[in-house]
Amino acid sequence: MCLAIPALLVEVDPSGEEGVVELWGVRRKVSLALLDREKLVPGKTYVIVHAGFAISVLDEEEARKTLELLEEVASAPRP
């Protein structure tokens, strides 16, 4: 099973090929090669990250809802 998660884009390198995303206080470098980099605004843009690649952009509300659901699943009691 594969999982792609939303994360906030916090940095874009000068080449525009890579960026840094943050999720729950953890920062990771990701490839931006699959996105239109002209639309990426560090600190405001949420991206879906899968296997080290930002694969799509989503709005803040959708990112927030998805992250809330992931937190709910993570905190659910285990059988």
PDB file of N, CA and C in Angstrom:
ATOM      1  N   MET A   1       0.845  -1.174   0.000  1.00  0.00           N
ATOM      2  CA  MET A   1       0.000   0.000   0.000  1.00  0.00           C
ATOM      3  C   MET A   1       0.890   1.236   0.000  1.00  0.00           C
ATOM      4  N   CYS A   2       0.507   2.232  -0.751  1.00  0.00           N
ATOM      5  CA  CYS A   2       1.252   3.488  -0.816  1.00  0.00           C
ATOM      6  C   CYS A   2       0.452   4.573  -0.105  1.00  0.00           C
ATOM      7  N   LEU A   3       1.172   5.504   0.459  1.00  0.00           N
ATOM      8  CA  LEU A   3       0.528   6.613   1.144  1.00  0.00           C
ATOM      9  C   LEU A   3       1.197   7.909   0.724  1.00  0.00           C
ATOM     10  N   ALA A   4       0.410   8.860   0.303  1.00  0.00           N
ATOM     11  CA  ALA A   4       0.900  10.198  -0.016  1.00  0.00           C
ATOM     12  C   ALA A   4       0.281  11.141   1.006  1.00  0.00           C
ATOM     13  N   ILE A   5       1.077  12.069   1.522  1.00  0.00           N
ATOM     14  CA  ILE A   5       0.590  12.935   2.592  1.00  0.00           C
ATOM     15  C   ILE A   5       0.787  14.403   2.245  1.00  0.00           C
ATOM     16  N   PRO A   6      -0.084  15.266   2.767  1.00  0.00           N
ATOM     17  CA  PRO A   6       0.095  16.690   2.540  1.00  0.00           C
ATOM     18  C   PRO A   6       1.165  17.252   3.468  1.00  0.00           C
ATOM     19  N   ALA A   7       1.920  18.202   2.964  1.00  0.00           N
ATOM     20  CA  ALA A   7       2.942  18.877   3.756  1.00  0.00           C
ATOM     21  C   ALA A   7       3.074  20.305   3.257  1.00  0.00           C
ATOM     22  N   LEU A   8       3.484  21.181   4.142  1.00  0.00           N
ATOM     23  CA  LEU A   8       3.662  22.589   3.789  1.00  0.00           C
ATOM     24  C   LEU A   8       5.022  22.778   3.142  1.00  0.00           C
ATOM     25  N   LEU A   9       5.043  23.401   1.990  1.00  0.00           N
ATOM     26  CA  LEU A   9       6.299  23.740   1.330  1.00  0.00           C
ATOM     27  C   LEU A   9       6.899  24.937   2.059  1.00  0.00           C
ATOM     28  N   VAL A  10       8.110  24.795   2.581  1.00  0.00           N
ATOM     29  CA  VAL A  10       8.721  25.892   3.344  1.00  0.00           C
ATOM     30  C   VAL A  10       9.915  26.526   2.642  1.00  0.00           C
ATOM     31  N   GLU A  11      10.515  25.818   1.687  1.00  0.00           N
ATOM     32  CA  GLU A  11      11.652  26.363   0.943  1.00  0.00           C
ATOM     33  C   GLU A  11      11.649  25.812  -0.473  1.00  0.00           C
ATOM     34  N   VAL A  12      12.141  26.625  -1.402  1.00  0.00           N
ATOM     35  CA  VAL A  12      12.402  26.176  -2.770  1.00  0.00           C
ATOM     36  C   VAL A  12      13.833  26.568  -3.079  1.00  0.00           C
ATOM     37  N   ASP A  13      14.628  25.604  -3.562  1.00  0.00           N
ATOM     38  CA  ASP A  13      16.019  25.940  -3.862  1.00  0.00           C
ATOM     39  C   ASP A  13      16.084  26.844  -5.095  1.00  0.00           C
ATOM     40  N   PRO A  14      17.205  27.542  -5.301  1.00  0.00           N
ATOM     41  CA  PRO A  14      17.311  28.498  -6.410  1.00  0.00           C
ATOM     42  C   PRO A  14      17.033  27.895  -7.790  1.00  0.00           C
ATOM     43  N   SER A  15      17.342  26.634  -7.969  1.00  0.00           N
ATOM     44  CA  SER A  15      17.087  25.997  -9.269  1.00  0.00           C
ATOM     45  C   SER A  15      15.604  25.696  -9.475  1.00  0.00           C
ATOM     46  N   GLY A  16      14.867  25.616  -8.381  1.00  0.00           N
ATOM     47  CA  GLY A  16      13.448  25.273  -8.449  1.00  0.00           C
ATOM     48  C   GLY A  16      13.189  23.792  -8.578  1.00  0.00           C
ATOM     49  N   GLU A  17      14.243  22.994  -8.623  1.00  0.00           N
ATOM     50  CA  GLU A  17      14.088  21.550  -8.787  1.00  0.00           C
ATOM     51  C   GLU A  17      13.759  20.825  -7.486  1.00  0.00           C
ATOM     52  N   GLU A  18      14.205  21.384  -6.357  1.00  0.00           N
ATOM     53  CA  GLU A  18      13.976  20.756  -5.064  1.00  0.00           C
ATOM     54  C   GLU A  18      13.411  21.777  -4.089  1.00  0.00           C
ATOM     55  N   GLY A  19      12.781  21.253  -3.060  1.00  0.00           N
ATOM     56  CA  GLY A  19      12.249  22.103  -2.013  1.00  0.00           C
ATOM     57  C   GLY A  19      12.304  21.373  -0.690  1.00  0.00           C
ATOM     58  N   VAL A  20      11.908  22.067   0.354  1.00  0.00           N
ATOM     59  CA  VAL A  20      11.819  21.477   1.680  1.00  0.00           C
ATOM     60  C   VAL A  20      10.382  21.601   2.133  1.00  0.00           C
ATOM     61  N   VAL A  21       9.830  20.492   2.624  1.00  0.00           N
ATOM     62  CA  VAL A  21       8.475  20.491   3.164  1.00  0.00           C
ATOM     63  C   VAL A  21       8.538  20.208   4.656  1.00  0.00           C
ATOM     64  N   GLU A  22       7.481  20.620   5.356  1.00  0.00           N
ATOM     65  CA  GLU A  22       7.406  20.374   6.796  1.00  0.00           C
ATOM     66  C   GLU A  22       6.069  19.739   7.131  1.00  0.00           C
ATOM     67  N   LEU A  23       6.147  18.722   7.981  1.00  0.00           N
ATOM     68  CA  LEU A  23       4.956  18.050   8.474  1.00  0.00           C
ATOM     69  C   LEU A  23       5.188  17.685   9.921  1.00  0.00           C
ATOM     70  N   TRP A  24       4.358  18.193  10.803  1.00  0.00           N
ATOM     71  CA  TRP A  24       4.439  17.917  12.240  1.00  0.00           C
ATOM     72  C   TRP A  24       5.840  18.203  12.791  1.00  0.00           C
ATOM     73  N   GLY A  25       6.443  19.301  12.335  1.00  0.00           N
ATOM     74  CA  GLY A  25       7.747  19.715  12.835  1.00  0.00           C
ATOM     75  C   GLY A  25       8.941  19.035  12.196  1.00  0.00           C
ATOM     76  N   VAL A  26       8.694  18.112  11.274  1.00  0.00           N
ATOM     77  CA  VAL A  26       9.775  17.403  10.597  1.00  0.00           C
ATOM     78  C   VAL A  26       9.922  17.972   9.195  1.00  0.00           C
ATOM     79  N   ARG A  27      11.155  18.296   8.827  1.00  0.00           N
ATOM     80  CA  ARG A  27      11.427  18.834   7.492  1.00  0.00           C
ATOM     81  C   ARG A  27      12.159  17.802   6.651  1.00  0.00           C
ATOM     82  N   ARG A  28      11.764  17.731   5.375  1.00  0.00           N
ATOM     83  CA  ARG A  28      12.382  16.806   4.430  1.00  0.00           C
ATOM     84  C   ARG A  28      12.553  17.491   3.080  1.00  0.00           C
ATOM     85  N   LYS A  29      13.630  17.136   2.401  1.00  0.00           N
ATOM     86  CA  LYS A  29      13.870  17.625   1.055  1.00  0.00           C
ATOM     87  C   LYS A  29      13.047  16.777   0.092  1.00  0.00           C
ATOM     88  N   VAL A  30      12.406  17.428  -0.887  1.00  0.00           N
ATOM     89  CA  VAL A  30      11.604  16.718  -1.884  1.00  0.00           C
ATOM     90  C   VAL A  30      11.912  17.262  -3.271  1.00  0.00           C
ATOM     91  N   SER A  31      11.637  16.450  -4.266  1.00  0.00           N
ATOM     92  CA  SER A  31      11.753  16.890  -5.651  1.00  0.00           C
ATOM     93  C   SER A  31      10.490  17.650  -6.034  1.00  0.00           C
ATOM     94  N   LEU A  32      10.669  18.742  -6.748  1.00  0.00           N
ATOM     95  CA  LEU A  32       9.534  19.519  -7.254  1.00  0.00           C
ATOM     96  C   LEU A  32       9.377  19.345  -8.764  1.00  0.00           C
ATOM     97  N   ALA A  33      10.083  18.377  -9.330  1.00  0.00           N
ATOM     98  CA  ALA A  33      10.139  18.190 -10.778  1.00  0.00           C
ATOM     99  C   ALA A  33       8.777  17.952 -11.424  1.00  0.00           C
ATOM    100  N   LEU A  34       7.808  17.458 -10.673  1.00  0.00           N
ATOM    101  CA  LEU A  34       6.505  17.128 -11.252  1.00  0.00           C
ATOM    102  C   LEU A  34       5.495  18.268 -11.188  1.00  0.00           C
ATOM    103  N   LEU A  35       5.895  19.401 -10.596  1.00  0.00           N
ATOM    104  CA  LEU A  35       4.953  20.505 -10.384  1.00  0.00           C
ATOM    105  C   LEU A  35       5.324  21.744 -11.188  1.00  0.00           C
ATOM    106  N   ASP A  36       4.329  22.589 -11.407  1.00  0.00           N
ATOM    107  CA  ASP A  36       4.545  23.901 -12.012  1.00  0.00           C
ATOM    108  C   ASP A  36       5.110  24.809 -10.918  1.00  0.00           C
ATOM    109  N   ARG A  37       6.402  25.017 -10.933  1.00  0.00           N
ATOM    110  CA  ARG A  37       7.064  25.737  -9.843  1.00  0.00           C
ATOM    111  C   ARG A  37       6.681  27.210  -9.765  1.00  0.00           C
ATOM    112  N   GLU A  38       6.129  27.765 -10.817  1.00  0.00           N
ATOM    113  CA  GLU A  38       5.699  29.163 -10.780  1.00  0.00           C
ATOM    114  C   GLU A  38       4.538  29.372  -9.800  1.00  0.00           C
ATOM    115  N   LYS A  39       3.813  28.316  -9.487  1.00  0.00           N
ATOM    116  CA  LYS A  39       2.651  28.409  -8.594  1.00  0.00           C
ATOM    117  C   LYS A  39       2.998  28.085  -7.145  1.00  0.00           C
ATOM    118  N   LEU A  40       4.252  27.758  -6.855  1.00  0.00           N
ATOM    119  CA  LEU A  40       4.642  27.363  -5.508  1.00  0.00           C
ATOM    120  C   LEU A  40       5.088  28.563  -4.695  1.00  0.00           C
ATOM    121  N   VAL A  41       4.463  28.743  -3.535  1.00  0.00           N
ATOM    122  CA  VAL A  41       4.793  29.852  -2.641  1.00  0.00           C
ATOM    123  C   VAL A  41       5.208  29.277  -1.293  1.00  0.00           C
ATOM    124  N   PRO A  42       6.504  29.332  -0.978  1.00  0.00           N
ATOM    125  CA  PRO A  42       6.951  28.794   0.311  1.00  0.00           C
ATOM    126  C   PRO A  42       6.191  29.432   1.468  1.00  0.00           C
ATOM    127  N   GLY A  43       5.799  28.591   2.418  1.00  0.00           N
ATOM    128  CA  GLY A  43       5.057  29.055   3.581  1.00  0.00           C
ATOM    129  C   GLY A  43       3.557  29.136   3.379  1.00  0.00           C
ATOM    130  N   LYS A  44       3.090  28.959   2.131  1.00  0.00           N
ATOM    131  CA  LYS A  44       1.657  29.046   1.848  1.00  0.00           C
ATOM    132  C   LYS A  44       1.131  27.854   1.059  1.00  0.00           C
ATOM    133  N   THR A  45       1.988  27.209   0.296  1.00  0.00           N
ATOM    134  CA  THR A  45       1.557  26.134  -0.582  1.00  0.00           C
ATOM    135  C   THR A  45       1.679  24.777   0.117  1.00  0.00           C
ATOM    136  N   TYR A  46       0.590  24.005   0.056  1.00  0.00           N
ATOM    137  CA  TYR A  46       0.617  22.618   0.527  1.00  0.00           C
ATOM    138  C   TYR A  46       0.746  21.704  -0.681  1.00  0.00           C
ATOM    139  N   VAL A  47       1.582  20.691  -0.541  1.00  0.00           N
ATOM    140  CA  VAL A  47       1.778  19.730  -1.616  1.00  0.00           C
ATOM    141  C   VAL A  47       1.537  18.328  -1.078  1.00  0.00           C
ATOM    142  N   ILE A  48       1.179  17.434  -1.982  1.00  0.00           N
ATOM    143  CA  ILE A  48       1.069  16.017  -1.651  1.00  0.00           C
ATOM    144  C   ILE A  48       2.429  15.396  -1.942  1.00  0.00           C
ATOM    145  N   VAL A  49       2.993  14.719  -0.943  1.00  0.00           N
ATOM    146  CA  VAL A  49       4.321  14.127  -1.077  1.00  0.00           C
ATOM    147  C   VAL A  49       4.207  12.608  -1.092  1.00  0.00           C
ATOM    148  N   HIS A  50       4.870  12.000  -2.071  1.00  0.00           N
ATOM    149  CA  HIS A  50       4.924  10.544  -2.173  1.00  0.00           C
ATOM    150  C   HIS A  50       6.310  10.147  -2.650  1.00  0.00           C
ATOM    151  N   ALA A  51       6.960   9.295  -1.885  1.00  0.00           N
ATOM    152  CA  ALA A  51       8.260   8.727  -2.260  1.00  0.00           C
ATOM    153  C   ALA A  51       9.291   9.793  -2.621  1.00  0.00           C
ATOM    154  N   GLY A  52       9.285  10.891  -1.881  1.00  0.00           N
ATOM    155  CA  GLY A  52      10.281  11.924  -2.099  1.00  0.00           C
ATOM    156  C   GLY A  52       9.953  12.938  -3.182  1.00  0.00           C
ATOM    157  N   PHE A  53       8.765  12.819  -3.768  1.00  0.00           N
ATOM    158  CA  PHE A  53       8.331  13.741  -4.809  1.00  0.00           C
ATOM    159  C   PHE A  53       7.072  14.481  -4.366  1.00  0.00           C
ATOM    160  N   ALA A  54       7.035  15.783  -4.605  1.00  0.00           N
ATOM    161  CA  ALA A  54       5.791  16.529  -4.466  1.00  0.00           C
ATOM    162  C   ALA A  54       5.016  16.257  -5.752  1.00  0.00           C
ATOM    163  N   ILE A  55       3.865  15.601  -5.627  1.00  0.00           N
ATOM    164  CA  ILE A  55       3.156  15.140  -6.826  1.00  0.00           C
ATOM    165  C   ILE A  55       1.950  15.998  -7.200  1.00  0.00           C
ATOM    166  N   SER A  56       1.466  16.824  -6.275  1.00  0.00           N
ATOM    167  CA  SER A  56       0.372  17.737  -6.604  1.00  0.00           C
ATOM    168  C   SER A  56       0.263  18.806  -5.531  1.00  0.00           C
ATOM    169  N   VAL A  57      -0.472  19.848  -5.874  1.00  0.00           N
ATOM    170  CA  VAL A  57      -0.721  20.961  -4.957  1.00  0.00           C
ATOM    171  C   VAL A  57      -2.163  20.837  -4.483  1.00  0.00           C
ATOM    172  N   LEU A  58      -2.400  21.157  -3.198  1.00  0.00           N
ATOM    173  CA  LEU A  58      -3.772  21.195  -2.718  1.00  0.00           C
ATOM    174  C   LEU A  58      -3.968  22.415  -1.829  1.00  0.00           C
ATOM    175  N   ASP A  59      -5.225  22.789  -1.660  1.00  0.00           N
ATOM    176  CA  ASP A  59      -5.488  23.993  -0.877  1.00  0.00           C
ATOM    177  C   ASP A  59      -5.348  23.715   0.616  1.00  0.00           C
ATOM    178  N   GLU A  60      -5.191  24.786   1.374  1.00  0.00           N
ATOM    179  CA  GLU A  60      -4.925  24.674   2.805  1.00  0.00           C
ATOM    180  C   GLU A  60      -6.038  23.950   3.551  1.00  0.00           C
ATOM    181  N   GLU A  61      -7.274  24.203   3.200  1.00  0.00           N
ATOM    182  CA  GLU A  61      -8.407  23.571   3.886  1.00  0.00           C
ATOM    183  C   GLU A  61      -8.388  22.056   3.693  1.00  0.00           C
ATOM    184  N   GLU A  62      -8.160  21.620   2.466  1.00  0.00           N
ATOM    185  CA  GLU A  62      -8.105  20.182   2.195  1.00  0.00           C
ATOM    186  C   GLU A  62      -6.918  19.545   2.911  1.00  0.00           C
ATOM    187  N   ALA A  63      -5.785  20.229   2.941  1.00  0.00           N
ATOM    188  CA  ALA A  63      -4.613  19.722   3.660  1.00  0.00           C
ATOM    189  C   ALA A  63      -4.928  19.579   5.148  1.00  0.00           C
ATOM    190  N   ARG A  64      -5.564  20.580   5.723  1.00  0.00           N
ATOM    191  CA  ARG A  64      -5.902  20.547   7.145  1.00  0.00           C
ATOM    192  C   ARG A  64      -6.826  19.375   7.463  1.00  0.00           C
ATOM    193  N   LYS A  65      -7.856  19.189   6.651  1.00  0.00           N
ATOM    194  CA  LYS A  65      -8.793  18.084   6.871  1.00  0.00           C
ATOM    195  C   LYS A  65      -8.084  16.729   6.787  1.00  0.00           C
ATOM    196  N   THR A  66      -7.238  16.574   5.795  1.00  0.00           N
ATOM    197  CA  THR A  66      -6.515  15.314   5.623  1.00  0.00           C
ATOM    198  C   THR A  66      -5.584  15.053   6.797  1.00  0.00           C
ATOM    199  N   LEU A  67      -4.867  16.071   7.244  1.00  0.00           N
ATOM    200  CA  LEU A  67      -3.961  15.899   8.378  1.00  0.00           C
ATOM    201  C   LEU A  67      -4.717  15.576   9.661  1.00  0.00           C
ATOM    202  N   GLU A  68      -5.885  16.174   9.846  1.00  0.00           N
ATOM    203  CA  GLU A  68      -6.706  15.846  11.010  1.00  0.00           C
ATOM    204  C   GLU A  68      -7.122  14.380  10.983  1.00  0.00           C
ATOM    205  N   LEU A  69      -7.511  13.881   9.811  1.00  0.00           N
ATOM    206  CA  LEU A  69      -7.891  12.472   9.694  1.00  0.00           C
ATOM    207  C   LEU A  69      -6.701  11.549   9.970  1.00  0.00           C
ATOM    208  N   LEU A  70      -5.530  11.908   9.470  1.00  0.00           N
ATOM    209  CA  LEU A  70      -4.339  11.095   9.727  1.00  0.00           C
ATOM    210  C   LEU A  70      -3.997  11.072  11.217  1.00  0.00           C
ATOM    211  N   GLU A  71      -4.140  12.213  11.895  1.00  0.00           N
ATOM    212  CA  GLU A  71      -3.889  12.263  13.333  1.00  0.00           C
ATOM    213  C   GLU A  71      -4.897  11.401  14.094  1.00  0.00           C
ATOM    214  N   GLU A  72      -6.146  11.432  13.647  1.00  0.00           N
ATOM    215  CA  GLU A  72      -7.192  10.623  14.289  1.00  0.00           C
ATOM    216  C   GLU A  72      -6.882   9.136  14.133  1.00  0.00           C
ATOM    217  N   VAL A  73      -6.491   8.722  12.947  1.00  0.00           N
ATOM    218  CA  VAL A  73      -6.144   7.321  12.720  1.00  0.00           C
ATOM    219  C   VAL A  73      -4.936   6.925  13.563  1.00  0.00           C
ATOM    220  N   ALA A  74      -3.928   7.787  13.618  1.00  0.00           N
ATOM    221  CA  ALA A  74      -2.714   7.475  14.388  1.00  0.00           C
ATOM    222  C   ALA A  74      -2.980   7.347  15.872  1.00  0.00           C
ATOM    223  N   SER A  75      -3.980   8.070  16.378  1.00  0.00           N
ATOM    224  CA  SER A  75      -4.254   8.024  17.817  1.00  0.00           C
ATOM    225  C   SER A  75      -5.319   6.995  18.199  1.00  0.00           C
ATOM    226  N   ALA A  76      -5.873   6.306  17.213  1.00  0.00           N
ATOM    227  CA  ALA A  76      -6.903   5.299  17.500  1.00  0.00           C
ATOM    228  C   ALA A  76      -6.298   4.125  18.269  1.00  0.00           C
ATOM    229  N   PRO A  77      -7.076   3.554  19.200  1.00  0.00           N
ATOM    230  CA  PRO A  77      -6.581   2.385  19.946  1.00  0.00           C
ATOM    231  C   PRO A  77      -6.286   1.227  19.013  1.00  0.00           C
ATOM    232  N   ARG A  78      -5.250   0.499  19.330  1.00  0.00           N
ATOM    233  CA  ARG A  78      -4.864  -0.679  18.539  1.00  0.00           C
ATOM    234  C   ARG A  78      -5.520  -1.918  19.152  1.00  0.00           C
ATOM    235  N   PRO A  79      -5.980  -2.835  18.295  1.00  0.00           N
ATOM    236  CA  PRO A  79      -6.606  -4.070  18.816  1.00  0.00           C
ATOM    237  C   PRO A  79      -5.573  -4.973  19.457  1.00  0.00           C
TER     238      PRO A  79
END
